[in-house]
């Protein structure tokens, strides 16, 4: 949970891995916010 919280705060997605009911760890999946998306949401806000 501590590791996945760190991954989540970094904007990543954690995937847990388990073997026979025993936790092995987490995989850090990276994703990036698209450029200009904030401005586009600002336009939508202006539309109400």
ModelCIF file with pLDDT and N, C-alpha, C, O atoms, coordinates in Angstrom:
data_MODEL
#
_entry.id   MODEL 
#
_entity.id                         1 
_entity.type                       polymer 
_entity.pdbx_number_of_molecules   1 
#
_entity_poly.entity_id                      1 
_entity_poly.type                           'polypeptide(L)' 
_entity_poly.nstd_linkage                   no 
_entity_poly.nstd_monomer                   no 
_entity_poly.pdbx_seq_one_letter_code       
;(UNK)(UNK)(UNK)(UNK)(UNK)(UNK)(UNK)(UNK)(UNK)(UNK)(UNK)(UNK)(UNK)(UNK)(UNK)(UNK)
(UNK)(UNK)(UNK)(UNK)(UNK)(UNK)(UNK)(UNK)(UNK)(UNK)(UNK)(UNK)(UNK)(UNK)(UNK)(UNK)
(UNK)(UNK)(UNK)(UNK)(UNK)(UNK)(UNK)(UNK)(UNK)(UNK)(UNK)(UNK)(UNK)(UNK)(UNK)(UNK)
;
_entity_poly.pdbx_seq_one_letter_code_can   XXXXXXXXXXXXXXXXXXXXXXXXXXXXXXXXXXXXXXXXXXXXXXXX 
_entity_poly.pdbx_strand_id                 A 
#
loop_
_entity_poly_seq.entity_id 
_entity_poly_seq.num 
_entity_poly_seq.mon_id 
_entity_poly_seq.hetero 
1 1  UNK n 
1 2  UNK n 
1 3  UNK n 
1 4  UNK n 
1 5  UNK n 
1 6  UNK n 
1 7  UNK n 
1 8  UNK n 
1 9  UNK n 
1 10 UNK n 
1 11 UNK n 
1 12 UNK n 
1 13 UNK n 
1 14 UNK n 
1 15 UNK n 
1 16 UNK n 
1 17 UNK n 
1 18 UNK n 
1 19 UNK n 
1 20 UNK n 
1 21 UNK n 
1 22 UNK n 
1 23 UNK n 
1 24 UNK n 
1 25 UNK n 
1 26 UNK n 
1 27 UNK n 
1 28 UNK n 
1 29 UNK n 
1 30 UNK n 
1 31 UNK n 
1 32 UNK n 
1 33 UNK n 
1 34 UNK n 
1 35 UNK n 
1 36 UNK n 
1 37 UNK n 
1 38 UNK n 
1 39 UNK n 
1 40 UNK n 
1 41 UNK n 
1 42 UNK n 
1 43 UNK n 
1 44 UNK n 
1 45 UNK n 
1 46 UNK n 
1 47 UNK n 
1 48 UNK n 
#
_struct_asym.id          A 
_struct_asym.entity_id   1 
#
loop_
_ma_qa_metric.id 
_ma_qa_metric.mode 
_ma_qa_metric.name 
_ma_qa_metric.software_group_id 
_ma_qa_metric.type 
1 global pLDDT . pLDDT 
2 local  pLDDT . pLDDT 
#
_ma_qa_metric_global.metric_id      1 
_ma_qa_metric_global.metric_value   84.65 
_ma_qa_metric_global.model_id       1 
_ma_qa_metric_global.ordinal_id     1 
#
loop_
_ma_qa_metric_local.label_asym_id 
_ma_qa_metric_local.label_comp_id 
_ma_qa_metric_local.label_seq_id 
_ma_qa_metric_local.metric_id 
_ma_qa_metric_local.metric_value 
_ma_qa_metric_local.model_id 
_ma_qa_metric_local.ordinal_id 
A UNK 1  2 90.00 1 1  
A UNK 2  2 91.00 1 2  
A UNK 3  2 92.00 1 3  
A UNK 4  2 87.00 1 4  
A UNK 5  2 86.00 1 5  
A UNK 6  2 87.00 1 6  
A UNK 7  2 84.00 1 7  
A UNK 8  2 80.00 1 8  
A UNK 9  2 80.00 1 9  
A UNK 10 2 78.00 1 10 
A UNK 11 2 74.00 1 11 
A UNK 12 2 79.00 1 12 
A UNK 13 2 80.00 1 13 
A UNK 14 2 87.00 1 14 
A UNK 15 2 90.00 1 15 
A UNK 16 2 93.00 1 16 
A UNK 17 2 93.00 1 17 
A UNK 18 2 93.00 1 18 
A UNK 19 2 92.00 1 19 
A UNK 20 2 90.00 1 20 
A UNK 21 2 89.00 1 21 
A UNK 22 2 91.00 1 22 
A UNK 23 2 92.00 1 23 
A UNK 24 2 93.00 1 24 
A UNK 25 2 93.00 1 25 
A UNK 26 2 93.00 1 26 
A UNK 27 2 92.00 1 27 
A UNK 28 2 91.00 1 28 
A UNK 29 2 85.00 1 29 
A UNK 30 2 80.00 1 30 
A UNK 31 2 74.00 1 31 
A UNK 32 2 72.00 1 32 
A UNK 33 2 77.00 1 33 
A UNK 34 2 78.00 1 34 
A UNK 35 2 76.00 1 35 
A UNK 36 2 79.00 1 36 
A UNK 37 2 81.00 1 37 
A UNK 38 2 84.00 1 38 
A UNK 39 2 84.00 1 39 
A UNK 40 2 80.00 1 40 
A UNK 41 2 84.00 1 41 
A UNK 42 2 84.00 1 42 
A UNK 43 2 80.00 1 43 
A UNK 44 2 81.00 1 44 
A UNK 45 2 84.00 1 45 
A UNK 46 2 80.00 1 46 
A UNK 47 2 78.00 1 47 
A UNK 48 2 82.00 1 48 
#
loop_
_atom_site.group_PDB 
_atom_site.id 
_atom_site.type_symbol 
_atom_site.label_atom_id 
_atom_site.label_alt_id 
_atom_site.label_comp_id 
_atom_site.label_asym_id 
_atom_site.label_entity_id 
_atom_site.label_seq_id 
_atom_site.pdbx_PDB_ins_code 
_atom_site.Cartn_x 
_atom_site.Cartn_y 
_atom_site.Cartn_z 
_atom_site.occupancy 
_atom_site.B_iso_or_equiv 
_atom_site.pdbx_formal_charge 
_atom_site.auth_seq_id 
_atom_site.auth_comp_id 
_atom_site.auth_asym_id 
_atom_site.auth_atom_id 
_atom_site.pdbx_PDB_model_num 
ATOM 1   N N  . UNK A 1 1  ? 0.829   -1.207  0.000   1.00 90.00 ? 1  UNK A N  1 
ATOM 2   C CA . UNK A 1 1  ? 0.000   0.000   0.000   1.00 90.00 ? 1  UNK A CA 1 
ATOM 3   C C  . UNK A 1 1  ? 0.865   1.259   0.000   1.00 90.00 ? 1  UNK A C  1 
ATOM 4   O O  . UNK A 1 1  ? 0.538   2.248   -0.656  1.00 90.00 ? 1  UNK A O  1 
ATOM 5   N N  . UNK A 1 2  ? 1.979   1.210   0.750   1.00 91.00 ? 2  UNK A N  1 
ATOM 6   C CA . UNK A 1 2  ? 2.878   2.370   0.766   1.00 91.00 ? 2  UNK A CA 1 
ATOM 7   C C  . UNK A 1 2  ? 3.465   2.612   -0.635  1.00 91.00 ? 2  UNK A C  1 
ATOM 8   O O  . UNK A 1 2  ? 3.527   3.749   -1.104  1.00 91.00 ? 2  UNK A O  1 
ATOM 9   N N  . UNK A 1 3  ? 3.890   1.530   -1.290  1.00 92.00 ? 3  UNK A N  1 
ATOM 10  C CA . UNK A 1 3  ? 4.483   1.654   -2.628  1.00 92.00 ? 3  UNK A CA 1 
ATOM 11  C C  . UNK A 1 3  ? 3.442   2.140   -3.637  1.00 92.00 ? 3  UNK A C  1 
ATOM 12  O O  . UNK A 1 3  ? 3.718   3.013   -4.459  1.00 92.00 ? 3  UNK A O  1 
ATOM 13  N N  . UNK A 1 4  ? 2.250   1.567   -3.561  1.00 87.00 ? 4  UNK A N  1 
ATOM 14  C CA . UNK A 1 4  ? 1.216   1.958   -4.532  1.00 87.00 ? 4  UNK A CA 1 
ATOM 15  C C  . UNK A 1 4  ? 0.774   3.405   -4.315  1.00 87.00 ? 4  UNK A C  1 
ATOM 16  O O  . UNK A 1 4  ? 0.417   4.095   -5.270  1.00 87.00 ? 4  UNK A O  1 
ATOM 17  N N  . UNK A 1 5  ? 0.796   3.869   -3.050  1.00 86.00 ? 5  UNK A N  1 
ATOM 18  C CA . UNK A 1 5  ? 0.479   5.277   -2.797  1.00 86.00 ? 5  UNK A CA 1 
ATOM 19  C C  . UNK A 1 5  ? 1.522   6.182   -3.438  1.00 86.00 ? 5  UNK A C  1 
ATOM 20  O O  . UNK A 1 5  ? 1.181   7.229   -3.989  1.00 86.00 ? 5  UNK A O  1 
ATOM 21  N N  . UNK A 1 6  ? 2.791   5.786   -3.369  1.00 87.00 ? 6  UNK A N  1 
ATOM 22  C CA . UNK A 1 6  ? 3.859   6.567   -3.990  1.00 87.00 ? 6  UNK A CA 1 
ATOM 23  C C  . UNK A 1 6  ? 3.673   6.614   -5.510  1.00 87.00 ? 6  UNK A C  1 
ATOM 24  O O  . UNK A 1 6  ? 3.821   7.664   -6.135  1.00 87.00 ? 6  UNK A O  1 
ATOM 25  N N  . UNK A 1 7  ? 3.350   5.469   -6.082  1.00 84.00 ? 7  UNK A N  1 
ATOM 26  C CA . UNK A 1 7  ? 3.129   5.409   -7.533  1.00 84.00 ? 7  UNK A CA 1 
ATOM 27  C C  . UNK A 1 7  ? 1.939   6.279   -7.920  1.00 84.00 ? 7  UNK A C  1 
ATOM 28  O O  . UNK A 1 7  ? 1.980   7.015   -8.905  1.00 84.00 ? 7  UNK A O  1 
ATOM 29  N N  . UNK A 1 8  ? 0.879   6.177   -7.122  1.00 80.00 ? 8  UNK A N  1 
ATOM 30  C CA . UNK A 1 8  ? -0.336  6.940   -7.429  1.00 80.00 ? 8  UNK A CA 1 
ATOM 31  C C  . UNK A 1 8  ? -0.092  8.435   -7.341  1.00 80.00 ? 8  UNK A C  1 
ATOM 32  O O  . UNK A 1 8  ? -0.558  9.197   -8.187  1.00 80.00 ? 8  UNK A O  1 
ATOM 33  N N  . UNK A 1 9  ? 0.655   8.863   -6.293  1.00 80.00 ? 9  UNK A N  1 
ATOM 34  C CA . UNK A 1 9  ? 0.927   10.296  -6.143  1.00 80.00 ? 9  UNK A CA 1 
ATOM 35  C C  . UNK A 1 9  ? 1.785   10.824  -7.287  1.00 80.00 ? 9  UNK A C  1 
ATOM 36  O O  . UNK A 1 9  ? 1.735   12.009  -7.615  1.00 80.00 ? 9  UNK A O  1 
ATOM 37  N N  . UNK A 1 10 ? 2.561   9.949   -7.883  1.00 78.00 ? 10 UNK A N  1 
ATOM 38  C CA . UNK A 1 10 ? 3.380   10.335  -9.026  1.00 78.00 ? 10 UNK A CA 1 
ATOM 39  C C  . UNK A 1 10 ? 2.568   10.348  -10.317 1.00 78.00 ? 10 UNK A C  1 
ATOM 40  O O  . UNK A 1 10 ? 3.104   10.636  -11.387 1.00 78.00 ? 10 UNK A O  1 
ATOM 41  N N  . UNK A 1 11 ? 1.268   10.034  -10.218 1.00 74.00 ? 11 UNK A N  1 
ATOM 42  C CA . UNK A 1 11 ? 0.408   10.018  -11.392 1.00 74.00 ? 11 UNK A CA 1 
ATOM 43  C C  . UNK A 1 11 ? 0.476   8.733   -12.176 1.00 74.00 ? 11 UNK A C  1 
ATOM 44  O O  . UNK A 1 11 ? -0.072  8.645   -13.275 1.00 74.00 ? 11 UNK A O  1 
ATOM 45  N N  . UNK A 1 12 ? 1.148   7.720   -11.622 1.00 79.00 ? 12 UNK A N  1 
ATOM 46  C CA . UNK A 1 12 ? 1.238   6.428   -12.285 1.00 79.00 ? 12 UNK A CA 1 
ATOM 47  C C  . UNK A 1 12 ? 0.121   5.503   -11.857 1.00 79.00 ? 12 UNK A C  1 
ATOM 48  O O  . UNK A 1 12 ? -0.690  5.845   -10.996 1.00 79.00 ? 12 UNK A O  1 
ATOM 49  N N  . UNK A 1 13 ? 0.086   4.325   -12.466 1.00 80.00 ? 13 UNK A N  1 
ATOM 50  C CA . UNK A 1 13 ? -0.913  3.314   -12.131 1.00 80.00 ? 13 UNK A CA 1 
ATOM 51  C C  . UNK A 1 13 ? -0.192  2.081   -11.589 1.00 80.00 ? 13 UNK A C  1 
ATOM 52  O O  . UNK A 1 13 ? 0.662   1.518   -12.274 1.00 80.00 ? 13 UNK A O  1 
ATOM 53  N N  . UNK A 1 14 ? -0.523  1.652   -10.361 1.00 87.00 ? 14 UNK A N  1 
ATOM 54  C CA . UNK A 1 14 ? 0.121   0.457   -9.819  1.00 87.00 ? 14 UNK A CA 1 
ATOM 55  C C  . UNK A 1 14 ? -0.674  -0.807  -10.155 1.00 87.00 ? 14 UNK A C  1 
ATOM 56  O O  . UNK A 1 14 ? -1.902  -0.816  -10.065 1.00 87.00 ? 14 UNK A O  1 
ATOM 57  N N  . UNK A 1 15 ? 0.029   -1.865  -10.538 1.00 90.00 ? 15 UNK A N  1 
ATOM 58  C CA . UNK A 1 15 ? -0.564  -3.189  -10.698 1.00 90.00 ? 15 UNK A CA 1 
ATOM 59  C C  . UNK A 1 15 ? 0.083   -4.117  -9.689  1.00 90.00 ? 15 UNK A C  1 
ATOM 60  O O  . UNK A 1 15 ? 1.308   -4.234  -9.646  1.00 90.00 ? 15 UNK A O  1 
ATOM 61  N N  . UNK A 1 16 ? -0.727  -4.775  -8.882  1.00 93.00 ? 16 UNK A N  1 
ATOM 62  C CA . UNK A 1 16 ? -0.198  -5.710  -7.888  1.00 93.00 ? 16 UNK A CA 1 
ATOM 63  C C  . UNK A 1 16 ? 0.030   -7.074  -8.531  1.00 93.00 ? 16 UNK A C  1 
ATOM 64  O O  . UNK A 1 16 ? -0.688  -7.467  -9.450  1.00 93.00 ? 16 UNK A O  1 
ATOM 65  N N  . UNK A 1 17 ? 1.037   -7.790  -8.038  1.00 93.00 ? 17 UNK A N  1 
ATOM 66  C CA . UNK A 1 17 ? 1.344   -9.138  -8.512  1.00 93.00 ? 17 UNK A CA 1 
ATOM 67  C C  . UNK A 1 17 ? 1.346   -10.074 -7.309  1.00 93.00 ? 17 UNK A C  1 
ATOM 68  O O  . UNK A 1 17 ? 1.940   -9.765  -6.276  1.00 93.00 ? 17 UNK A O  1 
ATOM 69  N N  . UNK A 1 18 ? 0.671   -11.231 -7.447  1.00 93.00 ? 18 UNK A N  1 
ATOM 70  C CA . UNK A 1 18 ? 0.600   -12.211 -6.361  1.00 93.00 ? 18 UNK A CA 1 
ATOM 71  C C  . UNK A 1 18 ? 0.871   -13.605 -6.913  1.00 93.00 ? 18 UNK A C  1 
ATOM 72  O O  . UNK A 1 18 ? 0.550   -13.907 -8.062  1.00 93.00 ? 18 UNK A O  1 
ATOM 73  N N  . UNK A 1 19 ? 1.474   -14.461 -6.062  1.00 92.00 ? 19 UNK A N  1 
ATOM 74  C CA . UNK A 1 19 ? 1.748   -15.853 -6.435  1.00 92.00 ? 19 UNK A CA 1 
ATOM 75  C C  . UNK A 1 19 ? 1.234   -16.758 -5.326  1.00 92.00 ? 19 UNK A C  1 
ATOM 76  O O  . UNK A 1 19 ? 1.698   -16.685 -4.188  1.00 92.00 ? 19 UNK A O  1 
ATOM 77  N N  . UNK A 1 20 ? 0.277   -17.608 -5.662  1.00 90.00 ? 20 UNK A N  1 
ATOM 78  C CA . UNK A 1 20 ? -0.312  -18.541 -4.695  1.00 90.00 ? 20 UNK A CA 1 
ATOM 79  C C  . UNK A 1 20 ? -0.778  -17.822 -3.431  1.00 90.00 ? 20 UNK A C  1 
ATOM 80  O O  . UNK A 1 20 ? -0.569  -18.308 -2.319  1.00 90.00 ? 20 UNK A O  1 
ATOM 81  N N  . UNK A 1 21 ? -1.407  -16.665 -3.608  1.00 89.00 ? 21 UNK A N  1 
ATOM 82  C CA . UNK A 1 21 ? -1.946  -15.932 -2.467  1.00 89.00 ? 21 UNK A CA 1 
ATOM 83  C C  . UNK A 1 21 ? -0.926  -15.111 -1.714  1.00 89.00 ? 21 UNK A C  1 
ATOM 84  O O  . UNK A 1 21 ? -1.261  -14.515 -0.691  1.00 89.00 ? 21 UNK A O  1 
ATOM 85  N N  . UNK A 1 22 ? 0.322   -15.059 -2.189  1.00 91.00 ? 22 UNK A N  1 
ATOM 86  C CA . UNK A 1 22 ? 1.386   -14.273 -1.533  1.00 91.00 ? 22 UNK A CA 1 
ATOM 87  C C  . UNK A 1 22 ? 1.704   -13.065 -2.395  1.00 91.00 ? 22 UNK A C  1 
ATOM 88  O O  . UNK A 1 22 ? 1.937   -13.188 -3.597  1.00 91.00 ? 22 UNK A O  1 
ATOM 89  N N  . UNK A 1 23 ? 1.711   -11.881 -1.761  1.00 92.00 ? 23 UNK A N  1 
ATOM 90  C CA . UNK A 1 23 ? 2.006   -10.654 -2.489  1.00 92.00 ? 23 UNK A CA 1 
ATOM 91  C C  . UNK A 1 23 ? 3.478   -10.588 -2.859  1.00 92.00 ? 23 UNK A C  1 
ATOM 92  O O  . UNK A 1 23 ? 4.346   -10.802 -2.013  1.00 92.00 ? 23 UNK A O  1 
ATOM 93  N N  . UNK A 1 24 ? 3.765   -10.289 -4.137  1.00 93.00 ? 24 UNK A N  1 
ATOM 94  C CA . UNK A 1 24 ? 5.146   -10.183 -4.594  1.00 93.00 ? 24 UNK A CA 1 
ATOM 95  C C  . UNK A 1 24 ? 5.582   -8.732  -4.784  1.00 93.00 ? 24 UNK A C  1 
ATOM 96  O O  . UNK A 1 24 ? 6.758   -8.415  -4.604  1.00 93.00 ? 24 UNK A O  1 
ATOM 97  N N  . UNK A 1 25 ? 4.657   -7.853  -5.144  1.00 93.00 ? 25 UNK A N  1 
ATOM 98  C CA . UNK A 1 25 ? 5.030   -6.463  -5.339  1.00 93.00 ? 25 UNK A CA 1 
ATOM 99  C C  . UNK A 1 25 ? 4.087   -5.744  -6.285  1.00 93.00 ? 25 UNK A C  1 
ATOM 100 O O  . UNK A 1 25 ? 2.959   -6.180  -6.517  1.00 93.00 ? 25 UNK A O  1 
ATOM 101 N N  . UNK A 1 26 ? 4.571   -4.627  -6.829  1.00 93.00 ? 26 UNK A N  1 
ATOM 102 C CA . UNK A 1 26 ? 3.747   -3.793  -7.706  1.00 93.00 ? 26 UNK A CA 1 
ATOM 103 C C  . UNK A 1 26 ? 4.527   -3.408  -8.963  1.00 93.00 ? 26 UNK A C  1 
ATOM 104 O O  . UNK A 1 26 ? 5.749   -3.262  -8.938  1.00 93.00 ? 26 UNK A O  1 
ATOM 105 N N  . UNK A 1 27 ? 3.795   -3.251  -10.048 1.00 92.00 ? 27 UNK A N  1 
ATOM 106 C CA . UNK A 1 27 ? 4.359   -2.784  -11.311 1.00 92.00 ? 27 UNK A CA 1 
ATOM 107 C C  . UNK A 1 27 ? 3.955   -1.322  -11.484 1.00 92.00 ? 27 UNK A C  1 
ATOM 108 O O  . UNK A 1 27 ? 2.787   -0.967  -11.328 1.00 92.00 ? 27 UNK A O  1 
ATOM 109 N N  . UNK A 1 28 ? 4.937   -0.479  -11.809 1.00 91.00 ? 28 UNK A N  1 
ATOM 110 C CA . UNK A 1 28 ? 4.688   0.949   -12.014 1.00 91.00 ? 28 UNK A CA 1 
ATOM 111 C C  . UNK A 1 28 ? 4.377   1.158   -13.499 1.00 91.00 ? 28 UNK A C  1 
ATOM 112 O O  . UNK A 1 28 ? 5.252   0.999   -14.350 1.00 91.00 ? 28 UNK A O  1 
ATOM 113 N N  . UNK A 1 29 ? 3.101   1.523   -13.809 1.00 85.00 ? 29 UNK A N  1 
ATOM 114 C CA . UNK A 1 29 ? 2.700   1.843   -15.178 1.00 85.00 ? 29 UNK A CA 1 
ATOM 115 C C  . UNK A 1 29 ? 2.647   3.365   -15.324 1.00 85.00 ? 29 UNK A C  1 
ATOM 116 O O  . UNK A 1 29 ? 1.966   4.054   -14.564 1.00 85.00 ? 29 UNK A O  1 
ATOM 117 N N  . UNK A 1 30 ? 3.372   3.865   -16.308 1.00 80.00 ? 30 UNK A N  1 
ATOM 118 C CA . UNK A 1 30 ? 3.429   5.308   -16.515 1.00 80.00 ? 30 UNK A CA 1 
ATOM 119 C C  . UNK A 1 30 ? 2.412   5.753   -17.551 1.00 80.00 ? 30 UNK A C  1 
ATOM 120 O O  . UNK A 1 30 ? 2.157   5.057   -18.534 1.00 80.00 ? 30 UNK A O  1 
ATOM 121 N N  . UNK A 1 31 ? 1.838   6.920   -17.316 1.00 74.00 ? 31 UNK A N  1 
ATOM 122 C CA . UNK A 1 31 ? 0.968   7.555   -18.300 1.00 74.00 ? 31 UNK A CA 1 
ATOM 123 C C  . UNK A 1 31 ? 1.210   9.054   -18.225 1.00 74.00 ? 31 UNK A C  1 
ATOM 124 O O  . UNK A 1 31 ? 1.606   9.568   -17.179 1.00 74.00 ? 31 UNK A O  1 
ATOM 125 N N  . UNK A 1 32 ? 0.976   9.762   -19.330 1.00 72.00 ? 32 UNK A N  1 
ATOM 126 C CA . UNK A 1 32 ? 1.292   11.188  -19.401 1.00 72.00 ? 32 UNK A CA 1 
ATOM 127 C C  . UNK A 1 32 ? 0.062   11.957  -19.855 1.00 72.00 ? 32 UNK A C  1 
ATOM 128 O O  . UNK A 1 32 ? -0.605  11.560  -20.811 1.00 72.00 ? 32 UNK A O  1 
ATOM 129 N N  . UNK A 1 33 ? -0.242  13.061  -19.169 1.00 77.00 ? 33 UNK A N  1 
ATOM 130 C CA . UNK A 1 33 ? -1.359  13.918  -19.548 1.00 77.00 ? 33 UNK A CA 1 
ATOM 131 C C  . UNK A 1 33 ? -1.047  14.588  -20.884 1.00 77.00 ? 33 UNK A C  1 
ATOM 132 O O  . UNK A 1 33 ? 0.066   15.069  -21.095 1.00 77.00 ? 33 UNK A O  1 
ATOM 133 N N  . UNK A 1 34 ? -2.024  14.618  -21.780 1.00 78.00 ? 34 UNK A N  1 
ATOM 134 C CA . UNK A 1 34 ? -1.820  15.189  -23.108 1.00 78.00 ? 34 UNK A CA 1 
ATOM 135 C C  . UNK A 1 34 ? -1.579  16.691  -23.032 1.00 78.00 ? 34 UNK A C  1 
ATOM 136 O O  . UNK A 1 34 ? -2.169  17.393  -22.210 1.00 78.00 ? 34 UNK A O  1 
ATOM 137 N N  . UNK A 1 35 ? -0.712  17.160  -23.897 1.00 76.00 ? 35 UNK A N  1 
ATOM 138 C CA . UNK A 1 35 ? -0.421  18.595  -23.962 1.00 76.00 ? 35 UNK A CA 1 
ATOM 139 C C  . UNK A 1 35 ? -1.669  19.364  -24.390 1.00 76.00 ? 35 UNK A C  1 
ATOM 140 O O  . UNK A 1 35 ? -2.385  18.940  -25.298 1.00 76.00 ? 35 UNK A O  1 
ATOM 141 N N  . UNK A 1 36 ? -1.923  20.487  -23.737 1.00 79.00 ? 36 UNK A N  1 
ATOM 142 C CA . UNK A 1 36 ? -3.032  21.351  -24.104 1.00 79.00 ? 36 UNK A CA 1 
ATOM 143 C C  . UNK A 1 36 ? -4.382  20.934  -23.569 1.00 79.00 ? 36 UNK A C  1 
ATOM 144 O O  . UNK A 1 36 ? -5.382  21.603  -23.830 1.00 79.00 ? 36 UNK A O  1 
ATOM 145 N N  . UNK A 1 37 ? -4.434  19.827  -22.815 1.00 81.00 ? 37 UNK A N  1 
ATOM 146 C CA . UNK A 1 37 ? -5.734  19.327  -22.350 1.00 81.00 ? 37 UNK A CA 1 
ATOM 147 C C  . UNK A 1 37 ? -6.357  20.276  -21.325 1.00 81.00 ? 37 UNK A C  1 
ATOM 148 O O  . UNK A 1 37 ? -7.580  20.410  -21.272 1.00 81.00 ? 37 UNK A O  1 
ATOM 149 N N  . UNK A 1 38 ? -5.522  20.938  -20.506 1.00 84.00 ? 38 UNK A N  1 
ATOM 150 C CA . UNK A 1 38 ? -6.053  21.886  -19.515 1.00 84.00 ? 38 UNK A CA 1 
ATOM 151 C C  . UNK A 1 38 ? -6.805  23.029  -20.210 1.00 84.00 ? 38 UNK A C  1 
ATOM 152 O O  . UNK A 1 38 ? -7.880  23.439  -19.773 1.00 84.00 ? 38 UNK A O  1 
ATOM 153 N N  . UNK A 1 39 ? -6.218  23.530  -21.294 1.00 84.00 ? 39 UNK A N  1 
ATOM 154 C CA . UNK A 1 39 ? -6.845  24.635  -22.013 1.00 84.00 ? 39 UNK A CA 1 
ATOM 155 C C  . UNK A 1 39 ? -8.178  24.199  -22.630 1.00 84.00 ? 39 UNK A C  1 
ATOM 156 O O  . UNK A 1 39 ? -9.134  24.972  -22.671 1.00 84.00 ? 39 UNK A O  1 
ATOM 157 N N  . UNK A 1 40 ? -8.228  22.967  -23.102 1.00 80.00 ? 40 UNK A N  1 
ATOM 158 C CA . UNK A 1 40 ? -9.465  22.477  -23.725 1.00 80.00 ? 40 UNK A CA 1 
ATOM 159 C C  . UNK A 1 40 ? -10.573 22.338  -22.675 1.00 80.00 ? 40 UNK A C  1 
ATOM 160 O O  . UNK A 1 40 ? -11.736 22.638  -22.948 1.00 80.00 ? 40 UNK A O  1 
ATOM 161 N N  . UNK A 1 41 ? -10.206 21.886  -21.484 1.00 84.00 ? 41 UNK A N  1 
ATOM 162 C CA . UNK A 1 41 ? -11.203 21.806  -20.418 1.00 84.00 ? 41 UNK A CA 1 
ATOM 163 C C  . UNK A 1 41 ? -11.641 23.202  -19.988 1.00 84.00 ? 41 UNK A C  1 
ATOM 164 O O  . UNK A 1 41 ? -12.777 23.395  -19.556 1.00 84.00 ? 41 UNK A O  1 
ATOM 165 N N  . UNK A 1 42 ? -10.733 24.178  -20.108 1.00 84.00 ? 42 UNK A N  1 
ATOM 166 C CA . UNK A 1 42 ? -11.106 25.561  -19.826 1.00 84.00 ? 42 UNK A CA 1 
ATOM 167 C C  . UNK A 1 42 ? -12.167 26.053  -20.805 1.00 84.00 ? 42 UNK A C  1 
ATOM 168 O O  . UNK A 1 42 ? -13.079 26.786  -20.423 1.00 84.00 ? 42 UNK A O  1 
ATOM 169 N N  . UNK A 1 43 ? -12.044 25.646  -22.080 1.00 80.00 ? 43 UNK A N  1 
ATOM 170 C CA . UNK A 1 43 ? -13.053 26.008  -23.084 1.00 80.00 ? 43 UNK A CA 1 
ATOM 171 C C  . UNK A 1 43 ? -14.411 25.412  -22.721 1.00 80.00 ? 43 UNK A C  1 
ATOM 172 O O  . UNK A 1 43 ? -15.442 26.073  -22.845 1.00 80.00 ? 43 UNK A O  1 
ATOM 173 N N  . UNK A 1 44 ? -14.398 24.163  -22.275 1.00 81.00 ? 44 UNK A N  1 
ATOM 174 C CA . UNK A 1 44 ? -15.658 23.514  -21.894 1.00 81.00 ? 44 UNK A CA 1 
ATOM 175 C C  . UNK A 1 44 ? -16.293 24.220  -20.699 1.00 81.00 ? 44 UNK A C  1 
ATOM 176 O O  . UNK A 1 44 ? -17.513 24.366  -20.624 1.00 81.00 ? 44 UNK A O  1 
ATOM 177 N N  . UNK A 1 45 ? -15.447 24.654  -19.769 1.00 84.00 ? 45 UNK A N  1 
ATOM 178 C CA . UNK A 1 45 ? -15.966 25.380  -18.612 1.00 84.00 ? 45 UNK A CA 1 
ATOM 179 C C  . UNK A 1 45 ? -16.641 26.675  -19.066 1.00 84.00 ? 45 UNK A C  1 
ATOM 180 O O  . UNK A 1 45 ? -17.674 27.072  -18.528 1.00 84.00 ? 45 UNK A O  1 
ATOM 181 N N  . UNK A 1 46 ? -16.041 27.322  -20.062 1.00 80.00 ? 46 UNK A N  1 
ATOM 182 C CA . UNK A 1 46 ? -16.628 28.555  -20.594 1.00 80.00 ? 46 UNK A CA 1 
ATOM 183 C C  . UNK A 1 46 ? -17.971 28.286  -21.254 1.00 80.00 ? 46 UNK A C  1 
ATOM 184 O O  . UNK A 1 46 ? -18.823 29.172  -21.310 1.00 80.00 ? 46 UNK A O  1 
ATOM 185 N N  . UNK A 1 47 ? -18.169 27.056  -21.760 1.00 78.00 ? 47 UNK A N  1 
ATOM 186 C CA . UNK A 1 47 ? -19.451 26.672  -22.349 1.00 78.00 ? 47 UNK A CA 1 
ATOM 187 C C  . UNK A 1 47 ? -20.481 26.294  -21.278 1.00 78.00 ? 47 UNK A C  1 
ATOM 188 O O  . UNK A 1 47 ? -21.654 26.086  -21.588 1.00 78.00 ? 47 UNK A O  1 
ATOM 189 N N  . UNK A 1 48 ? -20.040 26.205  -20.017 1.00 82.00 ? 48 UNK A N  1 
ATOM 190 C CA . UNK A 1 48 ? -20.943 25.782  -18.953 1.00 82.00 ? 48 UNK A CA 1 
ATOM 191 C C  . UNK A 1 48 ? -21.053 24.282  -18.821 1.00 82.00 ? 48 UNK A C  1 
ATOM 192 O O  . UNK A 1 48 ? -21.783 23.790  -17.961 1.00 82.00 ? 48 UNK A O  1 
#
